[in-house]
Amino acid sequence: MAAAFQPMLPFLRPMAPPKPATIRHFLRFSTTSGLRDAGAVDRNLIASQTASPSYPPPSLKSIPRPVKSHSSHRTSQPTKVRNYPDRVKQNTSQAPSIEAQTLSVDQVAPNLPYFVSRTPSDEYPVYQEKKRGGNLRQTKVKKISGSIDALREALQNELAVPEDQCVINRLTNHVIIKGWHKPTIDAYLAARKF
């Protein structure tokens, strides 16, 4: 019956002290170990302080690299000059000049039922994106507060797009318009002083 009695929590038994080698291993980088070696002399430090100004001698100095690598030139083949076409400048003048219109006080930012905040870089949160391998082009308006339905209707009328091509993602509160309309929407938001 005495053999059947086992301690219930054997993992709480006291442990033996660590081995001396383990203690030396963890204390080898301690800050107090430098005090013991205060009398020790660093030979490299003394050598660098007492070295002559002409050290190292020229025989130990490395050869400077050539300015131009000669190993990559192929003399048997002429170098080919390629003239790549410049990037075609996108015509952003398609956006109607909404800023030229003077709007009444009721049609500018503080008096509208919605508000579009700017990004940290002081830009409008209007983004163009491609989906389905580039076949579906969309424009997203983000950071909308207030009546998102009123903004969707205003953008739909401004861009003259059908109702099914200007939708609201209720989960993220984004207005998504089919097609790329960033310059027009930026001009629309700028005219309303967002």
C-alpha atoms as a PDB file:
ATOM      1  CA  MET A   1       0.000   0.000   0.000  1.00  0.00           C
ATOM      2  CA  ALA A   2       2.946   2.293   0.624  1.00  0.00           C
ATOM      3  CA  ALA A   3       4.163   1.731  -2.929  1.00  0.00           C
ATOM      4  CA  ALA A   4       0.830   2.907  -4.301  1.00  0.00           C
ATOM      5  CA  PHE A   5       1.228   6.309  -2.636  1.00  0.00           C
ATOM      6  CA  GLN A   6       2.617   8.790  -5.218  1.00  0.00           C
ATOM      7  CA  PRO A   7       2.857  12.531  -4.812  1.00  0.00           C
ATOM      8  CA  MET A   8      -0.067  14.161  -6.616  1.00  0.00           C
ATOM      9  CA  LEU A   9       1.943  17.040  -8.075  1.00  0.00           C
ATOM     10  CA  PRO A  10       5.397  15.732  -8.958  1.00  0.00           C
ATOM     11  CA  PHE A  11       6.231  18.770 -11.076  1.00  0.00           C
ATOM     12  CA  LEU A  12       6.290  21.016  -7.969  1.00  0.00           C
ATOM     13  CA  ARG A  13       9.263  19.248  -6.412  1.00  0.00           C
ATOM     14  CA  PRO A  14      12.289  21.436  -5.713  1.00  0.00           C
ATOM     15  CA  MET A  15      14.889  21.512  -8.463  1.00  0.00           C
ATOM     16  CA  ALA A  16      18.605  21.108  -8.107  1.00  0.00           C
ATOM     17  CA  PRO A  17      20.816  24.180  -8.642  1.00  0.00           C
ATOM     18  CA  PRO A  18      22.205  24.638 -12.161  1.00  0.00           C
ATOM     19  CA  LYS A  19      25.566  23.246 -13.121  1.00  0.00           C
ATOM     20  CA  PRO A  20      28.612  25.541 -12.884  1.00  0.00           C
ATOM     21  CA  ALA A  21      29.118  25.370 -16.653  1.00  0.00           C
ATOM     22  CA  THR A  22      25.591  26.708 -17.193  1.00  0.00           C
ATOM     23  CA  ILE A  23      26.206  29.608 -14.837  1.00  0.00           C
ATOM     24  CA  ARG A  24      29.470  30.488 -16.612  1.00  0.00           C
ATOM     25  CA  HIS A  25      27.682  30.335 -19.967  1.00  0.00           C
ATOM     26  CA  PHE A  26      25.057  32.882 -18.934  1.00  0.00           C
ATOM     27  CA  LEU A  27      27.448  35.141 -17.035  1.00  0.00           C
ATOM     28  CA  ARG A  28      30.093  35.410 -19.746  1.00  0.00           C
ATOM     29  CA  PHE A  29      28.433  38.541 -21.169  1.00  0.00           C
ATOM     30  CA  SER A  30      27.617  40.164 -17.839  1.00  0.00           C
ATOM     31  CA  THR A  31      28.636  43.740 -17.189  1.00  0.00           C
ATOM     32  CA  THR A  32      30.434  42.845 -13.976  1.00  0.00           C
ATOM     33  CA  SER A  33      32.888  40.536 -15.731  1.00  0.00           C
ATOM     34  CA  GLY A  34      34.600  43.572 -17.265  1.00  0.00           C
ATOM     35  CA  LEU A  35      35.597  44.737 -13.817  1.00  0.00           C
ATOM     36  CA  ARG A  36      37.698  41.647 -13.292  1.00  0.00           C
ATOM     37  CA  ASP A  37      39.526  42.212 -16.579  1.00  0.00           C
ATOM     38  CA  ALA A  38      40.122  45.932 -15.989  1.00  0.00           C
ATOM     39  CA  GLY A  39      43.846  45.286 -15.739  1.00  0.00           C
ATOM     40  CA  ALA A  40      43.857  43.401 -19.088  1.00  0.00           C
ATOM     41  CA  VAL A  41      45.295  45.269 -22.063  1.00  0.00           C
ATOM     42  CA  ASP A  42      43.608  45.331 -25.451  1.00  0.00           C
ATOM     43  CA  ARG A  43      46.475  44.716 -27.859  1.00  0.00           C
ATOM     44  CA  ASN A  44      44.515  45.811 -30.943  1.00  0.00           C
ATOM     45  CA  LEU A  45      43.589  49.140 -29.374  1.00  0.00           C
ATOM     46  CA  ILE A  46      47.182  49.898 -28.451  1.00  0.00           C
ATOM     47  CA  ALA A  47      48.438  48.861 -31.895  1.00  0.00           C
ATOM     48  CA  SER A  48      45.940  51.126 -33.669  1.00  0.00           C
ATOM     49  CA  GLN A  49      46.896  54.072 -31.435  1.00  0.00           C
ATOM     50  CA  THR A  50      50.630  53.660 -31.935  1.00  0.00           C
ATOM     51  CA  ALA A  51      50.594  52.850 -35.669  1.00  0.00           C
ATOM     52  CA  SER A  52      52.456  55.162 -38.022  1.00  0.00           C
ATOM     53  CA  PRO A  53      50.490  57.316 -40.475  1.00  0.00           C
ATOM     54  CA  SER A  54      51.889  55.334 -43.405  1.00  0.00           C
ATOM     55  CA  TYR A  55      50.285  52.103 -42.160  1.00  0.00           C
ATOM     56  CA  PRO A  56      49.158  49.912 -43.902  1.00  0.00           C
ATOM     57  CA  PRO A  57      51.967  49.591 -46.419  1.00  0.00           C
ATOM     58  CA  PRO A  58      51.085  49.684 -50.124  1.00  0.00           C
ATOM     59  CA  SER A  59      51.577  45.934 -50.378  1.00  0.00           C
ATOM     60  CA  LEU A  60      48.618  45.359 -48.033  1.00  0.00           C
ATOM     61  CA  LYS A  61      46.293  47.887 -49.656  1.00  0.00           C
ATOM     62  CA  SER A  62      43.711  46.559 -52.051  1.00  0.00           C
ATOM     63  CA  ILE A  63      43.711  47.501 -55.711  1.00  0.00           C
ATOM     64  CA  PRO A  64      40.931  49.965 -56.540  1.00  0.00           C
ATOM     65  CA  ARG A  65      38.172  48.623 -58.743  1.00  0.00           C
ATOM     66  CA  PRO A  66      38.065  49.823 -62.329  1.00  0.00           C
ATOM     67  CA  VAL A  67      35.542  52.507 -63.106  1.00  0.00           C
ATOM     68  CA  LYS A  68      34.209  50.525 -66.026  1.00  0.00           C
ATOM     69  CA  SER A  69      33.980  46.759 -66.020  1.00  0.00           C
ATOM     70  CA  HIS A  70      35.770  45.207 -68.965  1.00  0.00           C
ATOM     71  CA  SER A  71      34.522  41.699 -68.413  1.00  0.00           C
ATOM     72  CA  SER A  72      31.002  42.344 -69.638  1.00  0.00           C
ATOM     73  CA  HIS A  73      31.905  43.795 -73.047  1.00  0.00           C
ATOM     74  CA  ARG A  74      31.423  41.468 -75.960  1.00  0.00           C
ATOM     75  CA  THR A  75      33.595  42.632 -78.804  1.00  0.00           C
ATOM     76  CA  SER A  76      32.224  40.162 -81.323  1.00  0.00           C
ATOM     77  CA  GLN A  77      28.651  41.451 -81.049  1.00  0.00           C
ATOM     78  CA  PRO A  78      27.696  45.075 -81.586  1.00  0.00           C
ATOM     79  CA  THR A  79      25.707  46.755 -78.871  1.00  0.00           C
ATOM     80  CA  LYS A  80      22.074  47.105 -79.737  1.00  0.00           C
ATOM     81  CA  VAL A  81      20.437  50.475 -79.216  1.00  0.00           C
ATOM     82  CA  ARG A  82      16.782  50.130 -78.397  1.00  0.00           C
ATOM     83  CA  ASN A  83      14.437  53.042 -78.764  1.00  0.00           C
ATOM     84  CA  TYR A  84      11.461  52.398 -76.552  1.00  0.00           C
ATOM     85  CA  PRO A  85       8.409  54.557 -77.113  1.00  0.00           C
ATOM     86  CA  ASP A  86       7.630  57.028 -74.401  1.00  0.00           C
ATOM     87  CA  ARG A  87       4.607  56.474 -72.254  1.00  0.00           C
ATOM     88  CA  VAL A  88       1.521  57.866 -73.917  1.00  0.00           C
ATOM     89  CA  LYS A  89       0.223  60.817 -71.990  1.00  0.00           C
ATOM     90  CA  GLN A  90      -3.313  60.217 -70.847  1.00  0.00           C
ATOM     91  CA  ASN A  91      -5.772  62.859 -71.820  1.00  0.00           C
ATOM     92  CA  THR A  92      -7.188  64.134 -68.543  1.00  0.00           C
ATOM     93  CA  SER A  93      -8.875  67.101 -70.171  1.00  0.00           C
ATOM     94  CA  GLN A  94     -12.034  65.009 -70.604  1.00  0.00           C
ATOM     95  CA  ALA A  95     -13.219  66.111 -67.192  1.00  0.00           C
ATOM     96  CA  PRO A  96     -15.708  68.936 -67.554  1.00  0.00           C
ATOM     97  CA  SER A  97     -14.731  72.192 -65.989  1.00  0.00           C
ATOM     98  CA  ILE A  98     -16.959  72.089 -62.944  1.00  0.00           C
ATOM     99  CA  GLU A  99     -14.679  74.393 -60.984  1.00  0.00           C
ATOM    100  CA  ALA A 100     -15.564  77.277 -63.301  1.00  0.00           C
ATOM    101  CA  GLN A 101     -19.172  77.102 -62.139  1.00  0.00           C
ATOM    102  CA  THR A 102     -20.072  79.110 -59.094  1.00  0.00           C
ATOM    103  CA  LEU A 103     -22.286  77.123 -56.796  1.00  0.00           C
ATOM    104  CA  SER A 104     -24.725  78.491 -54.293  1.00  0.00           C
ATOM    105  CA  VAL A 105     -24.124  78.156 -50.573  1.00  0.00           C
ATOM    106  CA  ASP A 106     -26.596  75.254 -50.377  1.00  0.00           C
ATOM    107  CA  GLN A 107     -24.527  73.210 -52.852  1.00  0.00           C
ATOM    108  CA  VAL A 108     -21.145  73.331 -51.118  1.00  0.00           C
ATOM    109  CA  ALA A 109     -19.621  70.997 -48.530  1.00  0.00           C
ATOM    110  CA  PRO A 110     -20.917  72.023 -45.112  1.00  0.00           C
ATOM    111  CA  ASN A 111     -24.533  72.212 -46.270  1.00  0.00           C
ATOM    112  CA  LEU A 112     -24.682  68.902 -48.162  1.00  0.00           C
ATOM    113  CA  PRO A 113     -26.131  65.751 -46.517  1.00  0.00           C
ATOM    114  CA  TYR A 114     -22.834  63.892 -47.110  1.00  0.00           C
ATOM    115  CA  PHE A 115     -19.159  64.598 -46.543  1.00  0.00           C
ATOM    116  CA  VAL A 116     -16.094  63.114 -48.242  1.00  0.00           C
ATOM    117  CA  SER A 117     -12.952  63.298 -46.094  1.00  0.00           C
ATOM    118  CA  ARG A 118      -9.539  63.681 -47.658  1.00  0.00           C
ATOM    119  CA  THR A 119      -6.678  61.206 -47.354  1.00  0.00           C
ATOM    120  CA  PRO A 120      -3.656  61.887 -45.091  1.00  0.00           C
ATOM    121  CA  SER A 121      -1.798  63.165 -48.175  1.00  0.00           C
ATOM    122  CA  ASP A 122      -4.593  65.737 -48.758  1.00  0.00           C
ATOM    123  CA  GLU A 123      -5.990  63.991 -51.836  1.00  0.00           C
ATOM    124  CA  TYR A 124      -9.537  62.979 -52.652  1.00  0.00           C
ATOM    125  CA  PRO A 125     -10.302  59.342 -51.785  1.00  0.00           C
ATOM    126  CA  VAL A 126     -11.184  58.417 -55.367  1.00  0.00           C
ATOM    127  CA  TYR A 127      -9.520  55.282 -56.702  1.00  0.00           C
ATOM    128  CA  GLN A 128      -9.505  53.530 -60.059  1.00  0.00           C
ATOM    129  CA  GLU A 129      -9.137  49.776 -60.104  1.00  0.00           C
ATOM    130  CA  LYS A 130      -9.165  46.890 -62.550  1.00  0.00           C
ATOM    131  CA  LYS A 131     -10.828  43.554 -61.923  1.00  0.00           C
ATOM    132  CA  ARG A 132     -11.385  40.356 -63.883  1.00  0.00           C
ATOM    133  CA  GLY A 133      -8.057  40.538 -65.646  1.00  0.00           C
ATOM    134  CA  GLY A 134      -8.427  44.211 -66.551  1.00  0.00           C
ATOM    135  CA  ASN A 135     -11.772  43.831 -68.304  1.00  0.00           C
ATOM    136  CA  LEU A 136     -13.781  45.441 -65.506  1.00  0.00           C
ATOM    137  CA  ARG A 137     -12.782  49.005 -64.707  1.00  0.00           C
ATOM    138  CA  GLN A 138     -14.228  50.629 -61.634  1.00  0.00           C
ATOM    139  CA  THR A 139     -13.936  53.898 -59.765  1.00  0.00           C
ATOM    140  CA  LYS A 140     -14.378  53.843 -55.973  1.00  0.00           C
ATOM    141  CA  VAL A 141     -15.176  56.761 -53.709  1.00  0.00           C
ATOM    142  CA  LYS A 142     -14.196  56.076 -50.100  1.00  0.00           C
ATOM    143  CA  LYS A 143     -14.221  57.904 -46.738  1.00  0.00           C
ATOM    144  CA  ILE A 144     -17.866  58.978 -47.024  1.00  0.00           C
ATOM    145  CA  SER A 145     -19.831  60.089 -43.994  1.00  0.00           C
ATOM    146  CA  GLY A 146     -23.450  61.170 -43.852  1.00  0.00           C
ATOM    147  CA  SER A 147     -26.004  60.208 -46.482  1.00  0.00           C
ATOM    148  CA  ILE A 148     -24.210  57.898 -48.869  1.00  0.00           C
ATOM    149  CA  ASP A 149     -27.389  57.563 -50.957  1.00  0.00           C
ATOM    150  CA  ALA A 150     -27.408  61.293 -51.684  1.00  0.00           C
ATOM    151  CA  LEU A 151     -23.789  61.138 -52.889  1.00  0.00           C
ATOM    152  CA  ARG A 152     -24.548  58.152 -55.116  1.00  0.00           C
ATOM    153  CA  GLU A 153     -27.483  59.971 -56.721  1.00  0.00           C
ATOM    154  CA  ALA A 154     -25.418  63.141 -57.206  1.00  0.00           C
ATOM    155  CA  LEU A 155     -22.561  61.219 -58.839  1.00  0.00           C
ATOM    156  CA  GLN A 156     -24.974  59.225 -60.982  1.00  0.00           C
ATOM    157  CA  ASN A 157     -26.541  62.452 -62.297  1.00  0.00           C
ATOM    158  CA  GLU A 158     -23.156  64.126 -62.767  1.00  0.00           C
ATOM    159  CA  LEU A 159     -21.625  61.203 -64.680  1.00  0.00           C
ATOM    160  CA  ALA A 160     -24.833  60.294 -66.524  1.00  0.00           C
ATOM    161  CA  VAL A 161     -24.498  56.579 -65.801  1.00  0.00           C
ATOM    162  CA  PRO A 162     -27.383  54.141 -65.353  1.00  0.00           C
ATOM    163  CA  GLU A 163     -28.525  53.263 -61.834  1.00  0.00           C
ATOM    164  CA  ASP A 164     -27.156  49.715 -61.995  1.00  0.00           C
ATOM    165  CA  GLN A 165     -23.639  51.022 -62.798  1.00  0.00           C
ATOM    166  CA  CYS A 166     -23.423  53.280 -59.742  1.00  0.00           C
ATOM    167  CA  VAL A 167     -23.864  51.176 -56.613  1.00  0.00           C
ATOM    168  CA  ILE A 168     -23.140  51.341 -52.890  1.00  0.00           C
ATOM    169  CA  ASN A 169     -21.200  48.749 -50.933  1.00  0.00           C
ATOM    170  CA  ARG A 170     -23.053  48.968 -47.610  1.00  0.00           C
ATOM    171  CA  LEU A 171     -20.416  46.940 -45.799  1.00  0.00           C
ATOM    172  CA  THR A 172     -17.575  49.366 -46.546  1.00  0.00           C
ATOM    173  CA  ASN A 173     -19.626  52.528 -47.300  1.00  0.00           C
ATOM    174  CA  HIS A 174     -18.008  52.955 -50.715  1.00  0.00           C
ATOM    175  CA  VAL A 175     -19.680  54.214 -53.886  1.00  0.00           C
ATOM    176  CA  ILE A 176     -18.573  52.075 -56.836  1.00  0.00           C
ATOM    177  CA  ILE A 177     -19.059  53.372 -60.387  1.00  0.00           C
ATOM    178  CA  LYS A 178     -18.463  51.290 -63.482  1.00  0.00           C
ATOM    179  CA  GLY A 179     -15.763  52.821 -65.665  1.00  0.00           C
ATOM    180  CA  TRP A 180     -12.946  55.231 -64.943  1.00  0.00           C
ATOM    181  CA  HIS A 181     -14.264  58.594 -63.790  1.00  0.00           C
ATOM    182  CA  LYS A 182     -11.567  59.835 -61.388  1.00  0.00           C
ATOM    183  CA  PRO A 183     -10.891  63.256 -63.032  1.00  0.00           C
ATOM    184  CA  THR A 184     -14.602  64.046 -63.212  1.00  0.00           C
ATOM    185  CA  ILE A 185     -15.265  62.998 -59.611  1.00  0.00           C
ATOM    186  CA  ASP A 186     -12.210  64.920 -58.384  1.00  0.00           C
ATOM    187  CA  ALA A 187     -13.468  68.043 -60.167  1.00  0.00           C
ATOM    188  CA  TYR A 188     -16.953  67.468 -58.730  1.00  0.00           C
ATOM    189  CA  LEU A 189     -15.608  67.208 -55.178  1.00  0.00           C
ATOM    190  CA  ALA A 190     -13.299  70.207 -55.649  1.00  0.00           C
ATOM    191  CA  ALA A 191     -16.163  72.358 -56.903  1.00  0.00           C
ATOM    192  CA  ARG A 192     -18.114  71.509 -53.744  1.00  0.00           C
ATOM    193  CA  LYS A 193     -15.098  72.421 -51.557  1.00  0.00           C
ATOM    194  CA  PHE A 194     -14.495  69.042 -49.932  1.00  0.00           C
END
